[in-house]
Amino acid sequence: MDFGLCSLVEYAIIAIIIVQIYRLIKADGDLTLMWAEKFGSKPCALSGDVVWITGASSGIGEYLAYELAAAGCKLILSARRVDELERVKKQCIMGGPLREEDILVLPLDMREFSTHKDAVDIVLKHFNRIDVLVNNAGRSQRAQWDKIEIEVDRQMFELNVLGVVNLTRAVLPHMYEKKKGHIVVTSSVAGKLGAPMSGTYTGTKHAIQGYFEALRVEGAEHQIDITLVCPGPVFSELLQHCYTDSKDKEFGQDMDPSTENRMTTARCAELMAIAMANKLDEVWISTHPVLLFIYLFQYFPWFARKIGKRIGLKRLAKLREGRGGAK
C-alpha cells in the first residue's frame, strides 16, 4: 500500500516536471507569467482603476492603452507627441467602454523634471486619484561601447532613469497617503544581462532594476506594489528613434518582419496587462532563445557568460534583434 502510494507521488512529480518543461519550451514569457495567464486574474480585474501610462504614443505603451481601455481602466496618456496621443485616445474609445472624460491626454517630457509635479497635480484634479503608474517612456540604443559620446550617456540616463525616478517620486506621496498604489516599470531583458551594441541602454535598465527593487522594500509598509516588466525583442518603432553613439544621430532603421522573430507589440501588451492584474513582482516577456538566456543568466550566470563568449558578438547581436537563425 505504501509502495503504491509512493509510486503515485513519484509519477505525479514527474508529470508536473514534464508539464513545466513543455510549457517552458512553448512559452513566450517566464513560467510564473504563463501560469498567471492561464489561472490568474484577467485584466478586467483592473476595471475602474486610474492608470497613468508614459510613452503612450506608440509601441508597447500604445498597445497597453488599448488593453487597459478594453478592460475598463480610466487612462492618462503621456508622451511628447500630442497628435499621436489623441490618435491613441480615439482608438481606445472606439475599442472599449470608455467615454471622452475617462481618458486624459497629458503631454509630458520625461527629461523636463521641473514639470513632473505639475503633471501629477493635473491628473489628481481630473481623476482625484492615481491607482497605477506605468513608467514606459524610454529609448533604446545601437552603438559600439567604446565609441559612445558621454553626452549620449547623460541624455539616456536622464530619460530612461532619472525621469522615471523623478516622476515616481512625484506620484508616491499621493499613493503613500492612501496606503495603496502600483508602480509598473518597463525595463528590458537588457536589465538582466549585457545586451550587445547597447552599452548605455543596458546600464540604464540595470539602474532601473536597482532603483525599483529598493522601492519595493521601502514601499511595502505603504502597500505599494512594484512590477518590473522585462521584454525581449518586440516589433515597434524602437529602431527608428533609438540612440546611437552620437547625440545628434538616430539609428533610423525599420524592423523587418520577414527576417526578425520578434514578438508582436499587441502580445507583449497583453502579457504586460496580465502581469499588472496579478501584481507580479517581475516578468520576462520574450520567445526563445532570448528567454532561455534570461533563465541562464538568472540561475547559472557563469555558464551563460561562457556560452555568450563562445557564440560571439555578431551572433549575439543577431539574437538580440530576433534573428536567432542567422549565421
Protein backbone atom coordinates (compact mmCIF):
# COMPACT_ATOMS: atom_id res chain seq x y z
CA MET A 1 0.00 0.00 0.00
CA ASP A 2 2.74 2.43 1.00
CA PHE A 3 4.79 1.36 -2.01
CA GLY A 4 1.87 2.07 -4.33
CA LEU A 5 1.27 5.48 -2.76
CA CYS A 6 4.94 6.42 -3.14
CA SER A 7 4.83 5.38 -6.79
CA LEU A 8 1.80 7.57 -7.41
CA VAL A 9 3.54 10.54 -5.79
CA GLU A 10 6.65 9.95 -7.88
CA TYR A 11 4.61 9.74 -11.09
CA ALA A 12 2.77 12.92 -10.15
CA ILE A 13 6.05 14.76 -9.56
CA ILE A 14 7.45 13.51 -12.87
CA ALA A 15 4.27 14.55 -14.67
CA ILE A 16 4.45 18.04 -13.16
CA ILE A 17 8.09 18.38 -14.23
CA ILE A 18 7.26 17.25 -17.78
CA VAL A 19 4.39 19.74 -17.99
CA GLN A 20 6.65 22.54 -16.76
CA ILE A 21 9.35 21.68 -19.29
CA TYR A 22 6.77 21.59 -22.09
CA ARG A 23 5.35 24.94 -21.02
CA LEU A 24 8.85 26.42 -20.86
CA ILE A 25 9.64 25.27 -24.41
CA LYS A 26 6.39 26.74 -25.76
CA ALA A 27 6.43 29.84 -23.56
CA ASP A 28 6.73 33.47 -24.63
CA GLY A 29 7.17 34.56 -21.03
CA ASP A 30 8.50 33.24 -17.74
CA LEU A 31 6.60 30.36 -16.15
CA THR A 32 5.05 32.48 -13.40
CA LEU A 33 3.57 34.79 -16.03
CA MET A 34 2.36 31.84 -18.11
CA TRP A 35 0.60 30.33 -15.08
CA ALA A 36 -0.94 33.71 -14.28
CA GLU A 37 -2.24 33.95 -17.84
CA LYS A 38 -3.93 30.54 -17.56
CA PHE A 39 -5.08 30.50 -13.94
CA GLY A 40 -4.70 34.04 -12.54
CA SER A 41 -6.68 37.27 -12.67
CA LYS A 42 -7.60 38.74 -16.05
CA PRO A 43 -7.00 42.40 -16.99
CA CYS A 44 -10.70 43.10 -16.34
CA ALA A 45 -9.77 42.88 -12.63
CA LEU A 46 -8.28 46.35 -13.14
CA SER A 47 -11.62 47.81 -14.30
CA GLY A 48 -12.23 51.25 -12.81
CA ASP A 49 -8.57 51.80 -11.87
CA VAL A 50 -6.94 55.08 -12.87
CA VAL A 51 -3.79 54.16 -14.82
CA TRP A 52 -1.16 56.65 -15.99
CA ILE A 53 0.92 55.41 -18.95
CA THR A 54 4.03 57.29 -20.09
CA GLY A 55 5.40 56.65 -23.57
CA ALA A 56 1.79 56.04 -24.66
CA SER A 57 2.05 57.46 -28.19
CA SER A 58 3.50 54.33 -29.81
CA GLY A 59 4.86 50.83 -29.25
CA ILE A 60 4.20 48.94 -26.03
CA GLY A 61 2.64 51.97 -24.34
CA GLU A 62 0.12 52.45 -27.14
CA TYR A 63 -0.98 48.82 -27.19
CA LEU A 64 -1.08 48.63 -23.40
CA ALA A 65 -3.50 51.57 -23.51
CA TYR A 66 -5.76 49.55 -25.82
CA GLU A 67 -5.62 46.53 -23.49
CA LEU A 68 -6.45 48.58 -20.41
CA ALA A 69 -9.16 50.60 -22.16
CA ALA A 70 -10.87 47.35 -23.16
CA ALA A 71 -10.59 46.24 -19.51
CA GLY A 72 -12.38 49.39 -18.34
CA CYS A 73 -9.47 51.33 -16.85
CA LYS A 74 -9.51 55.12 -16.81
CA LEU A 75 -6.36 56.36 -18.52
CA ILE A 76 -3.84 59.17 -18.53
CA LEU A 77 -1.82 59.05 -21.76
CA SER A 78 1.52 60.85 -21.70
CA ALA A 79 4.28 61.41 -24.26
CA ARG A 80 5.64 64.38 -26.21
CA ARG A 81 3.66 63.89 -29.44
CA VAL A 82 0.18 65.24 -28.69
CA ASP A 83 -1.27 64.34 -32.09
CA GLU A 84 -0.27 60.70 -31.61
CA LEU A 85 -1.72 60.66 -28.09
CA GLU A 86 -5.02 61.97 -29.46
CA ARG A 87 -4.97 59.19 -32.07
CA VAL A 88 -4.43 56.57 -29.35
CA LYS A 89 -7.21 58.11 -27.23
CA LYS A 90 -9.65 57.95 -30.15
CA GLN A 91 -8.80 54.30 -30.75
CA CYS A 92 -9.23 53.49 -27.03
CA ILE A 93 -12.72 55.00 -27.03
CA MET A 94 -13.67 53.12 -30.20
CA GLY A 95 -12.45 49.79 -28.84
CA GLY A 96 -13.74 49.90 -25.26
CA PRO A 97 -16.37 51.10 -22.80
CA LEU A 98 -14.65 54.42 -22.02
CA ARG A 99 -16.06 57.89 -22.53
CA GLU A 100 -14.21 61.04 -23.56
CA GLU A 101 -13.73 62.18 -19.96
CA ASP A 102 -12.30 58.78 -18.94
CA ILE A 103 -9.08 59.41 -20.89
CA LEU A 104 -6.82 62.38 -20.19
CA VAL A 105 -4.20 63.31 -22.77
CA LEU A 106 -1.32 64.87 -20.85
CA PRO A 107 1.80 65.91 -22.83
CA LEU A 108 4.96 65.17 -20.86
CA ASP A 109 8.71 65.30 -21.48
CA MET A 110 10.43 62.89 -19.09
CA ARG A 111 13.64 64.96 -19.20
CA GLU A 112 11.85 68.13 -18.10
CA PHE A 113 11.98 67.23 -14.41
CA SER A 114 10.51 70.52 -13.20
CA THR A 115 7.19 69.78 -14.96
CA HIS A 116 6.50 66.45 -13.28
CA LYS A 117 4.94 67.75 -10.07
CA ASP A 118 2.56 69.98 -12.03
CA ALA A 119 1.61 66.99 -14.21
CA VAL A 120 0.70 64.99 -11.09
CA ASP A 121 -1.47 67.87 -9.88
CA ILE A 122 -3.31 67.96 -13.22
CA VAL A 123 -4.02 64.22 -13.03
CA LEU A 124 -5.28 64.44 -9.45
CA LYS A 125 -7.51 67.38 -10.33
CA HIS A 126 -9.05 65.40 -13.20
CA PHE A 127 -9.42 61.95 -11.60
CA ASN A 128 -8.82 62.63 -7.88
CA ARG A 129 -6.52 59.60 -7.64
CA ILE A 130 -3.77 57.58 -9.33
CA ASP A 131 -4.01 53.82 -8.82
CA VAL A 132 -1.29 52.66 -11.21
CA LEU A 133 1.70 54.46 -12.72
CA VAL A 134 3.18 52.71 -15.76
CA ASN A 135 6.70 54.06 -16.37
CA ASN A 136 7.01 53.04 -20.00
CA ALA A 137 8.76 56.02 -21.64
CA GLY A 138 12.32 55.47 -22.84
CA ARG A 139 14.58 54.92 -25.83
CA SER A 140 16.90 52.11 -26.83
CA GLN A 141 20.35 52.25 -28.44
CA ARG A 142 22.54 50.67 -31.10
CA ALA A 143 26.21 51.63 -30.74
CA GLN A 144 29.66 50.21 -30.08
CA TRP A 145 30.57 50.59 -26.38
CA ASP A 146 33.90 52.40 -26.84
CA LYS A 147 32.53 54.85 -29.44
CA ILE A 148 29.66 56.28 -27.38
CA GLU A 149 29.82 60.01 -26.60
CA ILE A 150 29.42 60.82 -22.90
CA GLU A 151 26.57 63.20 -23.82
CA VAL A 152 24.61 60.19 -25.07
CA ASP A 153 25.13 58.50 -21.69
CA ARG A 154 23.87 61.62 -19.93
CA GLN A 155 20.78 62.03 -22.10
CA MET A 156 19.83 58.37 -21.87
CA PHE A 157 20.17 58.28 -18.09
CA GLU A 158 18.05 61.44 -17.85
CA LEU A 159 15.32 59.85 -19.99
CA ASN A 160 15.42 56.17 -19.04
CA VAL A 161 16.32 56.50 -15.36
CA LEU A 162 16.18 59.93 -13.75
CA GLY A 163 12.95 60.97 -15.46
CA VAL A 164 11.30 57.73 -14.36
CA VAL A 165 12.58 58.10 -10.81
CA ASN A 166 11.55 61.76 -10.59
CA LEU A 167 8.01 61.18 -11.85
CA THR A 168 7.58 58.25 -9.49
CA ARG A 169 8.73 60.38 -6.55
CA ALA A 170 6.16 62.99 -7.54
CA VAL A 171 3.37 60.37 -7.52
CA LEU A 172 4.40 58.48 -4.36
CA PRO A 173 3.18 61.00 -1.73
CA HIS A 174 -0.37 60.53 -3.06
CA MET A 175 -0.05 56.73 -3.00
CA TYR A 176 1.54 56.78 0.45
CA GLU A 177 -1.32 58.91 1.76
CA LYS A 178 -3.98 56.49 0.57
CA LYS A 179 -1.86 53.47 1.56
CA LYS A 180 -2.24 51.87 -1.84
CA GLY A 181 -0.53 52.05 -5.21
CA HIS A 182 1.02 50.07 -8.02
CA ILE A 183 4.18 51.12 -9.87
CA VAL A 184 4.83 49.31 -13.16
CA VAL A 185 8.16 49.79 -14.93
CA THR A 186 9.01 48.77 -18.48
CA SER A 187 12.56 47.53 -18.01
CA SER A 188 14.11 45.13 -20.54
CA VAL A 189 15.94 41.84 -20.84
CA ALA A 190 18.92 44.23 -21.02
CA GLY A 191 18.29 44.82 -17.33
CA LYS A 192 19.01 41.14 -16.67
CA LEU A 193 22.11 40.64 -18.84
CA GLY A 194 24.56 42.53 -21.03
CA ALA A 195 22.93 43.46 -24.36
CA PRO A 196 25.47 43.78 -27.20
CA MET A 197 25.80 47.10 -29.02
CA SER A 198 23.68 48.80 -26.34
CA GLY A 199 26.07 49.66 -23.53
CA THR A 200 24.32 52.78 -22.26
CA TYR A 201 20.86 51.25 -22.64
CA THR A 202 21.96 48.20 -20.68
CA GLY A 203 23.33 50.46 -17.95
CA THR A 204 20.05 52.40 -17.71
CA LYS A 205 17.98 49.25 -17.40
CA HIS A 206 20.23 47.76 -14.72
CA ALA A 207 19.90 51.06 -12.86
CA ILE A 208 16.10 50.95 -13.15
CA GLN A 209 16.04 47.43 -11.74
CA GLY A 210 18.08 48.56 -8.75
CA TYR A 211 16.07 51.71 -8.06
CA PHE A 212 12.74 49.91 -8.04
CA GLU A 213 13.93 46.85 -6.13
CA ALA A 214 14.91 49.33 -3.41
CA LEU A 215 11.49 51.00 -3.62
CA ARG A 216 9.84 47.58 -3.37
CA VAL A 217 11.40 47.19 0.08
CA GLU A 218 10.76 50.75 1.28
CA GLY A 219 7.25 50.99 -0.16
CA ALA A 220 5.96 47.73 1.29
CA GLU A 221 4.79 49.34 4.53
CA HIS A 222 2.70 51.76 2.45
CA GLN A 223 1.12 48.90 0.43
CA ILE A 224 2.97 49.86 -2.74
CA ASP A 225 3.31 47.06 -5.30
CA ILE A 226 6.13 47.05 -7.86
CA THR A 227 6.02 45.19 -11.19
CA LEU A 228 9.18 45.12 -13.31
CA VAL A 229 8.49 44.13 -16.92
CA CYS A 230 11.44 42.84 -18.97
CA PRO A 231 10.51 42.49 -22.66
CA GLY A 232 12.78 40.93 -25.25
CA PRO A 233 12.66 41.71 -29.00
CA VAL A 234 9.29 43.33 -29.83
CA PHE A 235 8.04 44.89 -33.07
CA SER A 236 7.72 48.67 -32.63
CA GLU A 237 9.19 52.00 -33.80
CA LEU A 238 12.09 51.47 -31.40
CA LEU A 239 14.86 51.21 -34.00
CA GLN A 240 13.75 54.35 -35.84
CA HIS A 241 14.26 56.61 -32.84
CA CYS A 242 16.87 54.81 -30.75
CA TYR A 243 20.15 56.44 -29.77
CA THR A 244 23.47 55.66 -31.44
CA ASP A 245 26.98 56.68 -30.37
CA SER A 246 26.26 60.36 -31.08
CA LYS A 247 23.61 62.61 -29.53
CA ASP A 248 22.88 64.13 -32.95
CA LYS A 249 22.19 60.86 -34.78
CA GLU A 250 19.27 58.43 -34.50
CA PHE A 251 19.53 54.84 -35.70
CA GLY A 252 16.64 55.35 -38.15
CA GLN A 253 16.12 51.72 -39.15
CA ASP A 254 12.83 49.88 -39.63
CA MET A 255 12.26 46.37 -38.31
CA ASP A 256 11.81 43.60 -40.88
CA PRO A 257 9.04 41.07 -40.10
CA SER A 258 10.34 38.76 -42.84
CA THR A 259 13.72 38.20 -41.15
CA GLU A 260 13.19 39.05 -37.48
CA ASN A 261 11.46 36.75 -34.98
CA ARG A 262 10.13 39.46 -32.68
CA MET A 263 7.03 39.33 -30.51
CA THR A 264 4.11 41.44 -31.69
CA THR A 265 3.50 44.62 -29.72
CA ALA A 266 -0.07 43.51 -29.06
CA ARG A 267 1.04 40.23 -27.47
CA CYS A 268 3.62 41.98 -25.31
CA ALA A 269 0.97 44.43 -24.08
CA GLU A 270 -1.45 41.57 -23.42
CA LEU A 271 1.08 39.79 -21.19
CA MET A 272 2.00 43.07 -19.51
CA ALA A 273 -1.66 43.66 -18.61
CA ILE A 274 -1.83 40.17 -17.11
CA ALA A 275 1.27 40.90 -15.03
CA MET A 276 -0.39 44.08 -13.79
CA ALA A 277 -3.69 42.37 -12.96
CA ASN A 278 -1.84 39.76 -10.88
CA LYS A 279 0.65 42.27 -9.40
CA LEU A 280 3.58 40.05 -10.32
CA ASP A 281 6.95 41.23 -9.00
CA GLU A 282 8.97 40.74 -12.20
CA VAL A 283 8.11 39.22 -15.55
CA TRP A 284 10.15 38.25 -18.60
CA ILE A 285 8.33 38.62 -21.92
CA SER A 286 10.15 37.01 -24.83
CA THR A 287 10.33 33.98 -27.06
CA HIS A 288 13.29 31.62 -27.22
CA PRO A 289 16.27 31.72 -27.48
CA VAL A 290 16.29 35.07 -25.62
CA LEU A 291 14.01 33.72 -22.89
CA LEU A 292 16.37 30.78 -22.34
CA PHE A 293 19.29 33.19 -21.99
CA ILE A 294 17.44 35.12 -19.27
CA TYR A 295 16.90 31.90 -17.32
CA LEU A 296 20.57 31.00 -17.67
CA PHE A 297 21.75 34.45 -16.53
CA GLN A 298 19.32 34.34 -13.61
CA TYR A 299 20.26 30.90 -12.28
CA PHE A 300 23.60 29.99 -13.91
CA PRO A 301 25.32 33.31 -14.75
CA TRP A 302 28.81 31.81 -15.04
CA PHE A 303 27.55 29.26 -17.57
CA ALA A 304 25.59 31.88 -19.52
CA ARG A 305 28.68 34.07 -19.82
CA LYS A 306 30.73 31.15 -21.15
CA ILE A 307 28.06 30.43 -23.76
CA GLY A 308 27.97 34.11 -24.72
CA LYS A 309 31.72 34.16 -25.31
CA ARG A 310 31.54 31.04 -27.47
CA ILE A 311 28.65 32.36 -29.55
CA GLY A 312 30.47 35.62 -30.25
CA LEU A 313 29.42 39.25 -30.63
CA LYS A 314 27.96 39.03 -34.13
CA ARG A 315 25.68 36.08 -33.32
CA LEU A 316 24.61 37.64 -30.03
CA ALA A 317 23.75 40.90 -31.78
CA LYS A 318 21.59 38.97 -34.26
CA LEU A 319 19.87 37.11 -31.42
CA ARG A 320 19.17 40.46 -29.79
CA GLU A 321 17.38 41.61 -32.96
CA GLY A 322 15.29 38.43 -33.13
CA ARG A 323 17.39 36.82 -35.85
CA GLY A 324 18.30 33.67 -33.95
CA GLY A 325 18.81 31.51 -37.00
CA ALA A 326 21.12 33.93 -38.77
CA LYS A 327 24.71 32.89 -39.33
